[in-house]
Amino acid sequence: MRSDHRPLAVFDLDGTLADSGHRQHFLEGRRRDWNGFFSAAVDDPPLSEGVRLALSSAESCEVRYLTGRPERCRRDTVVWLAQHGLPEGRVYMRRDDDRRPARHAKLETLRRLGREREVRMLVDDDELVCDAAEQAGFAVVRARWAKPSDALKDAQEREGRT
């Protein structure tokens, strides 16, 4: 896959392109089952609103993916994107040992991308990520088409897991 010089459209995965609702139960309760949560991602149905936006964005932008999923999920994630007809694009994942809140981890990557290319937009469902990106000067599309999960929000912010 070769990079071009078009602006970037950066898409989150869980809650934006992938419906992770069926695996939220792994995050409920005192002991969260992270291996189960991430292993079940291969069965996520696509979110049609997010997929449509990614496909239409690919007409004028280079699509990239920015997820809080750990690097160990790369293979399954890339296969999932292809299986659901999403545009080819580089996938940015957190290191397996990175436990920073998503808003910090993702903003670091966005800033790096913004130094290299114009970031036309970030599409994400995490309100704290969206707020941080907007405060840093990025255009944001808030993905509000999936049912929100309190367990996932807590995991993103307090445990830095996704």
N, C-alpha and C. Protein backbone atom coordinates (compact mmCIF):
# COMPACT_ATOMS: atom_id res chain seq x y z
N MET A 1 0.86 -1.16 0.00
CA MET A 1 0.00 0.00 0.00
C MET A 1 0.91 1.23 0.00
N ARG A 2 0.66 2.12 -0.90
CA ARG A 2 1.51 3.26 -1.10
C ARG A 2 0.81 4.52 -0.62
N SER A 3 1.56 5.39 0.02
CA SER A 3 0.99 6.63 0.51
C SER A 3 0.86 7.62 -0.64
N ASP A 4 -0.07 8.54 -0.52
CA ASP A 4 -0.20 9.59 -1.52
C ASP A 4 -0.15 10.94 -0.81
N HIS A 5 -0.54 11.98 -1.50
CA HIS A 5 -0.44 13.31 -0.91
C HIS A 5 -1.78 13.94 -0.61
N ARG A 6 -2.84 13.15 -0.70
CA ARG A 6 -4.16 13.67 -0.34
C ARG A 6 -4.23 13.89 1.16
N PRO A 7 -5.17 14.71 1.62
CA PRO A 7 -5.35 14.86 3.07
C PRO A 7 -5.75 13.52 3.68
N LEU A 8 -5.59 13.44 4.98
CA LEU A 8 -5.92 12.21 5.69
C LEU A 8 -7.31 12.29 6.33
N ALA A 9 -8.04 11.20 6.26
CA ALA A 9 -9.27 11.00 7.03
C ALA A 9 -8.95 9.85 7.97
N VAL A 10 -9.00 10.12 9.27
CA VAL A 10 -8.56 9.16 10.28
C VAL A 10 -9.79 8.61 11.01
N PHE A 11 -9.92 7.29 11.00
CA PHE A 11 -11.09 6.63 11.58
C PHE A 11 -10.72 5.74 12.74
N ASP A 12 -11.48 5.87 13.81
CA ASP A 12 -11.44 4.95 14.94
C ASP A 12 -12.12 3.66 14.49
N LEU A 13 -11.98 2.59 15.25
CA LEU A 13 -12.63 1.32 14.91
C LEU A 13 -13.83 1.03 15.81
N ASP A 14 -13.58 0.68 17.08
CA ASP A 14 -14.64 0.24 17.97
C ASP A 14 -15.63 1.38 18.25
N GLY A 15 -16.89 1.14 17.89
CA GLY A 15 -17.93 2.15 18.10
C GLY A 15 -18.03 3.16 16.97
N THR A 16 -17.14 3.07 16.00
CA THR A 16 -17.14 3.98 14.85
C THR A 16 -17.37 3.19 13.56
N LEU A 17 -16.54 2.18 13.34
CA LEU A 17 -16.68 1.30 12.17
C LEU A 17 -17.16 -0.08 12.57
N ALA A 18 -16.79 -0.51 13.77
CA ALA A 18 -17.10 -1.85 14.26
C ALA A 18 -18.06 -1.77 15.44
N ASP A 19 -19.11 -2.54 15.39
CA ASP A 19 -20.08 -2.58 16.49
C ASP A 19 -19.58 -3.59 17.53
N SER A 20 -19.02 -3.06 18.59
CA SER A 20 -18.43 -3.91 19.63
C SER A 20 -19.42 -4.25 20.75
N GLY A 21 -20.68 -3.92 20.56
CA GLY A 21 -21.69 -4.12 21.58
C GLY A 21 -21.81 -5.56 22.07
N HIS A 22 -21.64 -6.52 21.17
CA HIS A 22 -21.79 -7.93 21.55
C HIS A 22 -20.69 -8.42 22.48
N ARG A 23 -19.59 -7.67 22.60
CA ARG A 23 -18.49 -8.11 23.45
C ARG A 23 -18.29 -7.25 24.70
N GLN A 24 -19.21 -6.32 24.93
CA GLN A 24 -19.10 -5.45 26.10
C GLN A 24 -19.16 -6.22 27.41
N HIS A 25 -19.85 -7.36 27.41
CA HIS A 25 -19.99 -8.12 28.65
C HIS A 25 -18.64 -8.56 29.21
N PHE A 26 -17.61 -8.64 28.38
CA PHE A 26 -16.27 -9.00 28.86
C PHE A 26 -15.68 -7.91 29.76
N LEU A 27 -16.22 -6.69 29.67
CA LEU A 27 -15.67 -5.57 30.44
C LEU A 27 -16.49 -5.23 31.68
N GLU A 28 -17.56 -5.94 31.88
CA GLU A 28 -18.43 -5.65 33.02
C GLU A 28 -17.98 -6.44 34.24
N GLY A 29 -18.22 -5.89 35.40
CA GLY A 29 -17.82 -6.56 36.63
C GLY A 29 -16.43 -6.15 37.07
N ARG A 30 -16.00 -6.73 38.16
CA ARG A 30 -14.71 -6.35 38.74
C ARG A 30 -13.53 -6.86 37.93
N ARG A 31 -13.65 -8.07 37.40
CA ARG A 31 -12.53 -8.64 36.64
C ARG A 31 -12.85 -8.57 35.15
N ARG A 32 -12.18 -7.70 34.48
CA ARG A 32 -12.40 -7.54 33.05
C ARG A 32 -11.61 -8.60 32.28
N ASP A 33 -12.24 -9.18 31.28
CA ASP A 33 -11.60 -10.20 30.46
C ASP A 33 -11.14 -9.57 29.14
N TRP A 34 -9.94 -9.01 29.16
CA TRP A 34 -9.43 -8.30 27.99
C TRP A 34 -9.14 -9.24 26.84
N ASN A 35 -8.62 -10.42 27.13
CA ASN A 35 -8.36 -11.37 26.04
C ASN A 35 -9.66 -11.75 25.34
N GLY A 36 -10.70 -12.02 26.11
CA GLY A 36 -12.00 -12.34 25.52
C GLY A 36 -12.56 -11.18 24.72
N PHE A 37 -12.43 -9.97 25.28
CA PHE A 37 -12.93 -8.77 24.61
C PHE A 37 -12.28 -8.60 23.24
N PHE A 38 -10.96 -8.67 23.19
CA PHE A 38 -10.27 -8.44 21.92
C PHE A 38 -10.40 -9.63 20.97
N SER A 39 -10.44 -10.84 21.50
CA SER A 39 -10.60 -12.01 20.63
C SER A 39 -11.94 -12.00 19.90
N ALA A 40 -12.96 -11.47 20.56
CA ALA A 40 -14.31 -11.44 19.97
C ALA A 40 -14.47 -10.36 18.91
N ALA A 41 -13.47 -9.49 18.74
CA ALA A 41 -13.57 -8.39 17.76
C ALA A 41 -13.73 -8.90 16.33
N VAL A 42 -13.26 -10.11 16.06
CA VAL A 42 -13.38 -10.65 14.70
C VAL A 42 -14.84 -10.83 14.30
N ASP A 43 -15.73 -10.91 15.29
CA ASP A 43 -17.16 -11.10 15.01
C ASP A 43 -17.96 -9.80 15.04
N ASP A 44 -17.29 -8.67 15.16
CA ASP A 44 -18.01 -7.38 15.17
C ASP A 44 -18.72 -7.15 13.85
N PRO A 45 -20.02 -6.82 13.90
CA PRO A 45 -20.66 -6.39 12.66
C PRO A 45 -20.20 -4.96 12.33
N PRO A 46 -20.16 -4.64 11.06
CA PRO A 46 -19.79 -3.27 10.69
C PRO A 46 -20.93 -2.30 11.01
N LEU A 47 -20.57 -1.07 11.31
CA LEU A 47 -21.54 0.00 11.52
C LEU A 47 -21.71 0.73 10.19
N SER A 48 -22.88 0.61 9.59
CA SER A 48 -23.09 1.09 8.23
C SER A 48 -22.80 2.58 8.07
N GLU A 49 -23.16 3.40 9.06
CA GLU A 49 -22.90 4.84 8.95
C GLU A 49 -21.41 5.12 8.86
N GLY A 50 -20.62 4.45 9.69
CA GLY A 50 -19.18 4.64 9.66
C GLY A 50 -18.55 4.12 8.38
N VAL A 51 -19.00 2.95 7.93
CA VAL A 51 -18.47 2.38 6.69
C VAL A 51 -18.76 3.31 5.51
N ARG A 52 -20.00 3.81 5.43
CA ARG A 52 -20.34 4.75 4.34
C ARG A 52 -19.44 5.98 4.36
N LEU A 53 -19.21 6.52 5.55
CA LEU A 53 -18.36 7.71 5.67
C LEU A 53 -16.92 7.39 5.27
N ALA A 54 -16.41 6.24 5.66
CA ALA A 54 -15.04 5.86 5.27
C ALA A 54 -14.93 5.72 3.75
N LEU A 55 -15.92 5.06 3.15
CA LEU A 55 -15.88 4.88 1.69
C LEU A 55 -15.99 6.20 0.95
N SER A 56 -16.87 7.08 1.40
CA SER A 56 -16.99 8.37 0.72
C SER A 56 -15.76 9.25 0.98
N SER A 57 -15.17 9.14 2.14
CA SER A 57 -13.96 9.91 2.44
C SER A 57 -12.79 9.48 1.56
N ALA A 58 -12.76 8.21 1.21
CA ALA A 58 -11.67 7.68 0.39
C ALA A 58 -11.65 8.28 -1.01
N GLU A 59 -12.74 8.93 -1.41
CA GLU A 59 -12.77 9.57 -2.73
C GLU A 59 -11.86 10.79 -2.78
N SER A 60 -11.70 11.49 -1.65
CA SER A 60 -10.88 12.70 -1.65
C SER A 60 -9.74 12.67 -0.64
N CYS A 61 -9.72 11.66 0.21
CA CYS A 61 -8.70 11.57 1.27
C CYS A 61 -8.05 10.19 1.27
N GLU A 62 -6.88 10.14 1.84
CA GLU A 62 -6.27 8.85 2.16
C GLU A 62 -6.81 8.45 3.53
N VAL A 63 -7.39 7.28 3.62
CA VAL A 63 -7.97 6.81 4.88
C VAL A 63 -6.90 6.11 5.70
N ARG A 64 -6.88 6.46 6.99
CA ARG A 64 -6.02 5.79 7.96
C ARG A 64 -6.90 5.40 9.15
N TYR A 65 -6.43 4.44 9.92
CA TYR A 65 -7.19 3.94 11.07
C TYR A 65 -6.38 4.14 12.34
N LEU A 66 -7.03 4.69 13.35
CA LEU A 66 -6.39 4.98 14.63
C LEU A 66 -7.24 4.35 15.73
N THR A 67 -6.70 3.30 16.32
CA THR A 67 -7.47 2.55 17.30
C THR A 67 -6.72 2.43 18.62
N GLY A 68 -7.48 2.27 19.68
CA GLY A 68 -6.89 1.99 20.97
C GLY A 68 -6.61 0.51 21.18
N ARG A 69 -6.96 -0.32 20.20
CA ARG A 69 -6.67 -1.75 20.32
C ARG A 69 -5.16 -1.95 20.42
N PRO A 70 -4.74 -2.96 21.19
CA PRO A 70 -3.29 -3.21 21.29
C PRO A 70 -2.75 -3.85 20.02
N GLU A 71 -1.45 -3.67 19.85
CA GLU A 71 -0.75 -4.17 18.66
C GLU A 71 -0.98 -5.66 18.43
N ARG A 72 -1.16 -6.42 19.48
CA ARG A 72 -1.35 -7.87 19.32
C ARG A 72 -2.62 -8.21 18.53
N CYS A 73 -3.48 -7.23 18.33
CA CYS A 73 -4.73 -7.44 17.57
C CYS A 73 -4.60 -7.06 16.10
N ARG A 74 -3.41 -6.71 15.66
CA ARG A 74 -3.22 -6.19 14.30
C ARG A 74 -3.74 -7.14 13.23
N ARG A 75 -3.33 -8.37 13.26
CA ARG A 75 -3.70 -9.31 12.18
C ARG A 75 -5.23 -9.40 12.05
N ASP A 76 -5.92 -9.66 13.16
CA ASP A 76 -7.38 -9.77 13.12
C ASP A 76 -8.03 -8.47 12.65
N THR A 77 -7.46 -7.34 13.06
CA THR A 77 -8.02 -6.03 12.69
C THR A 77 -7.90 -5.79 11.19
N VAL A 78 -6.74 -6.06 10.63
CA VAL A 78 -6.53 -5.84 9.19
C VAL A 78 -7.43 -6.76 8.38
N VAL A 79 -7.58 -8.01 8.82
CA VAL A 79 -8.47 -8.95 8.13
C VAL A 79 -9.91 -8.45 8.21
N TRP A 80 -10.34 -7.98 9.39
CA TRP A 80 -11.71 -7.47 9.56
C TRP A 80 -11.98 -6.30 8.62
N LEU A 81 -11.05 -5.36 8.52
CA LEU A 81 -11.23 -4.21 7.63
C LEU A 81 -11.42 -4.66 6.19
N ALA A 82 -10.60 -5.59 5.74
CA ALA A 82 -10.70 -6.08 4.37
C ALA A 82 -12.00 -6.86 4.14
N GLN A 83 -12.37 -7.69 5.09
CA GLN A 83 -13.60 -8.49 4.96
C GLN A 83 -14.84 -7.61 4.81
N HIS A 84 -14.79 -6.42 5.38
CA HIS A 84 -15.96 -5.55 5.35
C HIS A 84 -15.85 -4.44 4.30
N GLY A 85 -14.90 -4.60 3.40
CA GLY A 85 -14.81 -3.71 2.25
C GLY A 85 -14.37 -2.29 2.56
N LEU A 86 -13.68 -2.11 3.67
CA LEU A 86 -13.22 -0.75 4.01
C LEU A 86 -11.98 -0.41 3.20
N PRO A 87 -11.74 0.89 2.99
CA PRO A 87 -10.59 1.29 2.19
C PRO A 87 -9.27 0.81 2.81
N GLU A 88 -8.32 0.48 1.96
CA GLU A 88 -6.99 0.16 2.47
C GLU A 88 -6.44 1.39 3.14
N GLY A 89 -5.69 1.18 4.20
CA GLY A 89 -5.08 2.30 4.89
C GLY A 89 -4.25 1.81 6.05
N ARG A 90 -3.27 2.59 6.39
CA ARG A 90 -2.39 2.24 7.50
C ARG A 90 -3.20 2.21 8.80
N VAL A 91 -2.87 1.26 9.67
CA VAL A 91 -3.55 1.10 10.95
C VAL A 91 -2.57 1.45 12.07
N TYR A 92 -2.95 2.40 12.90
CA TYR A 92 -2.16 2.80 14.06
C TYR A 92 -2.79 2.19 15.31
N MET A 93 -2.00 1.41 16.04
CA MET A 93 -2.49 0.73 17.23
C MET A 93 -1.58 1.09 18.41
N ARG A 94 -2.13 0.92 19.61
CA ARG A 94 -1.29 1.21 20.77
C ARG A 94 -0.36 0.02 21.04
N ARG A 95 0.81 0.34 21.61
CA ARG A 95 1.72 -0.73 22.02
C ARG A 95 0.99 -1.61 23.04
N ASP A 96 1.34 -2.86 23.09
CA ASP A 96 0.68 -3.79 24.01
C ASP A 96 0.78 -3.34 25.47
N ASP A 97 1.83 -2.60 25.82
CA ASP A 97 2.01 -2.16 27.21
C ASP A 97 1.60 -0.71 27.45
N ASP A 98 0.98 -0.07 26.48
CA ASP A 98 0.57 1.34 26.60
C ASP A 98 -0.79 1.41 27.30
N ARG A 99 -0.83 1.98 28.49
CA ARG A 99 -2.06 2.07 29.28
C ARG A 99 -2.53 3.51 29.47
N ARG A 100 -2.05 4.42 28.63
CA ARG A 100 -2.52 5.80 28.74
C ARG A 100 -3.98 5.90 28.31
N PRO A 101 -4.70 6.88 28.84
CA PRO A 101 -6.07 7.09 28.36
C PRO A 101 -6.06 7.30 26.84
N ALA A 102 -7.12 6.84 26.19
CA ALA A 102 -7.21 6.92 24.72
C ALA A 102 -7.00 8.35 24.24
N ARG A 103 -7.52 9.33 24.98
CA ARG A 103 -7.40 10.72 24.52
C ARG A 103 -5.94 11.16 24.44
N HIS A 104 -5.07 10.62 25.27
CA HIS A 104 -3.65 10.97 25.19
C HIS A 104 -2.94 10.17 24.10
N ALA A 105 -3.18 8.88 24.08
CA ALA A 105 -2.51 8.02 23.10
C ALA A 105 -2.88 8.41 21.67
N LYS A 106 -4.16 8.64 21.43
CA LYS A 106 -4.59 8.96 20.07
C LYS A 106 -4.15 10.36 19.66
N LEU A 107 -4.20 11.31 20.59
CA LEU A 107 -3.80 12.68 20.25
C LEU A 107 -2.32 12.73 19.87
N GLU A 108 -1.50 11.95 20.53
CA GLU A 108 -0.08 11.89 20.19
C GLU A 108 0.10 11.47 18.73
N THR A 109 -0.61 10.43 18.32
CA THR A 109 -0.52 9.95 16.93
C THR A 109 -1.08 10.98 15.96
N LEU A 110 -2.21 11.59 16.31
CA LEU A 110 -2.80 12.62 15.44
C LEU A 110 -1.84 13.79 15.23
N ARG A 111 -1.21 14.22 16.28
CA ARG A 111 -0.25 15.34 16.15
C ARG A 111 0.90 14.96 15.24
N ARG A 112 1.39 13.73 15.37
CA ARG A 112 2.48 13.27 14.50
C ARG A 112 2.03 13.26 13.05
N LEU A 113 0.83 12.74 12.80
CA LEU A 113 0.29 12.73 11.44
C LEU A 113 0.12 14.15 10.91
N GLY A 114 -0.35 15.05 11.77
CA GLY A 114 -0.59 16.43 11.36
C GLY A 114 0.69 17.19 11.00
N ARG A 115 1.82 16.74 11.54
CA ARG A 115 3.10 17.37 11.16
C ARG A 115 3.53 16.94 9.77
N GLU A 116 3.05 15.76 9.34
CA GLU A 116 3.45 15.22 8.03
C GLU A 116 2.47 15.58 6.92
N ARG A 117 1.18 15.63 7.26
CA ARG A 117 0.12 15.81 6.27
C ARG A 117 -1.04 16.56 6.87
N GLU A 118 -1.91 17.07 6.01
CA GLU A 118 -3.15 17.66 6.48
C GLU A 118 -4.07 16.54 6.96
N VAL A 119 -4.57 16.67 8.18
CA VAL A 119 -5.58 15.74 8.69
C VAL A 119 -6.92 16.42 8.47
N ARG A 120 -7.66 15.96 7.47
CA ARG A 120 -8.93 16.57 7.14
C ARG A 120 -9.96 16.36 8.25
N MET A 121 -9.94 15.13 8.84
CA MET A 121 -10.87 14.87 9.94
C MET A 121 -10.48 13.62 10.70
N LEU A 122 -10.90 13.62 11.96
CA LEU A 122 -10.85 12.44 12.80
C LEU A 122 -12.30 12.04 13.03
N VAL A 123 -12.59 10.75 12.88
CA VAL A 123 -13.93 10.23 13.15
C VAL A 123 -13.79 9.25 14.32
N ASP A 124 -14.43 9.58 15.45
CA ASP A 124 -14.28 8.78 16.67
C ASP A 124 -15.54 8.88 17.49
N ASP A 125 -15.81 7.83 18.28
CA ASP A 125 -17.00 7.84 19.14
C ASP A 125 -16.69 8.25 20.58
N ASP A 126 -15.43 8.31 20.96
CA ASP A 126 -15.05 8.64 22.32
C ASP A 126 -15.07 10.16 22.48
N GLU A 127 -16.00 10.63 23.29
CA GLU A 127 -16.17 12.09 23.45
C GLU A 127 -14.91 12.76 23.99
N LEU A 128 -14.17 12.09 24.88
CA LEU A 128 -12.95 12.68 25.42
C LEU A 128 -11.85 12.77 24.36
N VAL A 129 -11.78 11.79 23.49
CA VAL A 129 -10.83 11.83 22.37
C VAL A 129 -11.22 12.97 21.43
N CYS A 130 -12.51 13.07 21.13
CA CYS A 130 -13.00 14.13 20.24
C CYS A 130 -12.72 15.51 20.83
N ASP A 131 -12.99 15.69 22.10
CA ASP A 131 -12.74 16.97 22.76
C ASP A 131 -11.26 17.34 22.68
N ALA A 132 -10.38 16.39 22.99
CA ALA A 132 -8.94 16.65 22.97
C ALA A 132 -8.47 17.00 21.56
N ALA A 133 -8.98 16.28 20.56
CA ALA A 133 -8.59 16.54 19.17
C ALA A 133 -9.06 17.91 18.73
N GLU A 134 -10.29 18.27 19.08
CA GLU A 134 -10.79 19.61 18.72
C GLU A 134 -9.97 20.70 19.40
N GLN A 135 -9.65 20.51 20.66
CA GLN A 135 -8.84 21.50 21.39
C GLN A 135 -7.46 21.66 20.77
N ALA A 136 -6.96 20.60 20.15
CA ALA A 136 -5.66 20.64 19.48
C ALA A 136 -5.77 21.19 18.05
N GLY A 137 -6.98 21.51 17.61
CA GLY A 137 -7.16 22.14 16.31
C GLY A 137 -7.56 21.20 15.18
N PHE A 138 -7.89 19.97 15.48
CA PHE A 138 -8.30 19.02 14.45
C PHE A 138 -9.81 19.09 14.23
N ALA A 139 -10.22 18.88 12.98
CA ALA A 139 -11.65 18.77 12.66
C ALA A 139 -12.10 17.37 13.07
N VAL A 140 -13.25 17.31 13.73
CA VAL A 140 -13.72 16.05 14.29
C VAL A 140 -15.14 15.77 13.84
N VAL A 141 -15.39 14.51 13.50
CA VAL A 141 -16.75 14.01 13.30
C VAL A 141 -17.01 13.05 14.45
N ARG A 142 -18.01 13.36 15.24
CA ARG A 142 -18.34 12.52 16.40
C ARG A 142 -19.25 11.39 15.95
N ALA A 143 -18.74 10.18 16.08
CA ALA A 143 -19.48 8.98 15.66
C ALA A 143 -20.48 8.64 16.75
N ARG A 144 -21.71 9.05 16.56
CA ARG A 144 -22.74 8.82 17.57
C ARG A 144 -23.78 7.82 17.08
N TRP A 145 -23.38 6.92 16.20
CA TRP A 145 -24.34 5.99 15.62
C TRP A 145 -24.34 4.62 16.30
N ALA A 146 -23.44 4.38 17.24
CA ALA A 146 -23.45 3.10 17.97
C ALA A 146 -23.97 3.34 19.38
N LYS A 147 -24.53 2.30 19.97
CA LYS A 147 -25.00 2.40 21.35
C LYS A 147 -23.79 2.54 22.27
N PRO A 148 -23.73 3.61 23.07
CA PRO A 148 -22.56 3.79 23.94
C PRO A 148 -22.51 2.74 25.05
N SER A 149 -21.30 2.45 25.50
CA SER A 149 -21.08 1.49 26.58
C SER A 149 -20.32 2.16 27.70
N ASP A 150 -20.91 2.20 28.88
CA ASP A 150 -20.22 2.78 30.04
C ASP A 150 -18.96 1.99 30.38
N ALA A 151 -19.02 0.67 30.26
CA ALA A 151 -17.86 -0.17 30.57
C ALA A 151 -16.70 0.16 29.63
N LEU A 152 -16.99 0.36 28.35
CA LEU A 152 -15.94 0.68 27.40
C LEU A 152 -15.38 2.08 27.65
N LYS A 153 -16.24 3.04 27.94
CA LYS A 153 -15.77 4.40 28.24
C LYS A 153 -14.82 4.39 29.42
N ASP A 154 -15.19 3.65 30.47
CA ASP A 154 -14.35 3.55 31.66
C ASP A 154 -13.01 2.91 31.30
N ALA A 155 -13.05 1.87 30.48
CA ALA A 155 -11.82 1.19 30.08
C ALA A 155 -10.92 2.12 29.27
N GLN A 156 -11.51 2.91 28.39
CA GLN A 156 -10.73 3.81 27.55
C GLN A 156 -10.05 4.89 28.38
N GLU A 157 -10.75 5.40 29.35
CA GLU A 157 -10.23 6.53 30.12
C GLU A 157 -9.36 6.10 31.29
N ARG A 158 -9.86 5.16 32.11
CA ARG A 158 -9.14 4.82 33.34
C ARG A 158 -8.11 3.74 33.18
N GLU A 159 -8.35 2.80 32.26
CA GLU A 159 -7.43 1.68 32.14
C GLU A 159 -6.57 1.74 30.89
N GLY A 160 -6.87 2.65 29.97
CA GLY A 160 -6.04 2.78 28.77
C GLY A 160 -5.92 1.50 27.99
N ARG A 161 -7.04 0.81 27.81
CA ARG A 161 -6.98 -0.50 27.17
C ARG A 161 -7.53 -0.51 25.76
N THR A 162 -8.30 0.47 25.36
CA THR A 162 -8.86 0.47 24.01
C THR A 162 -9.16 1.88 23.58
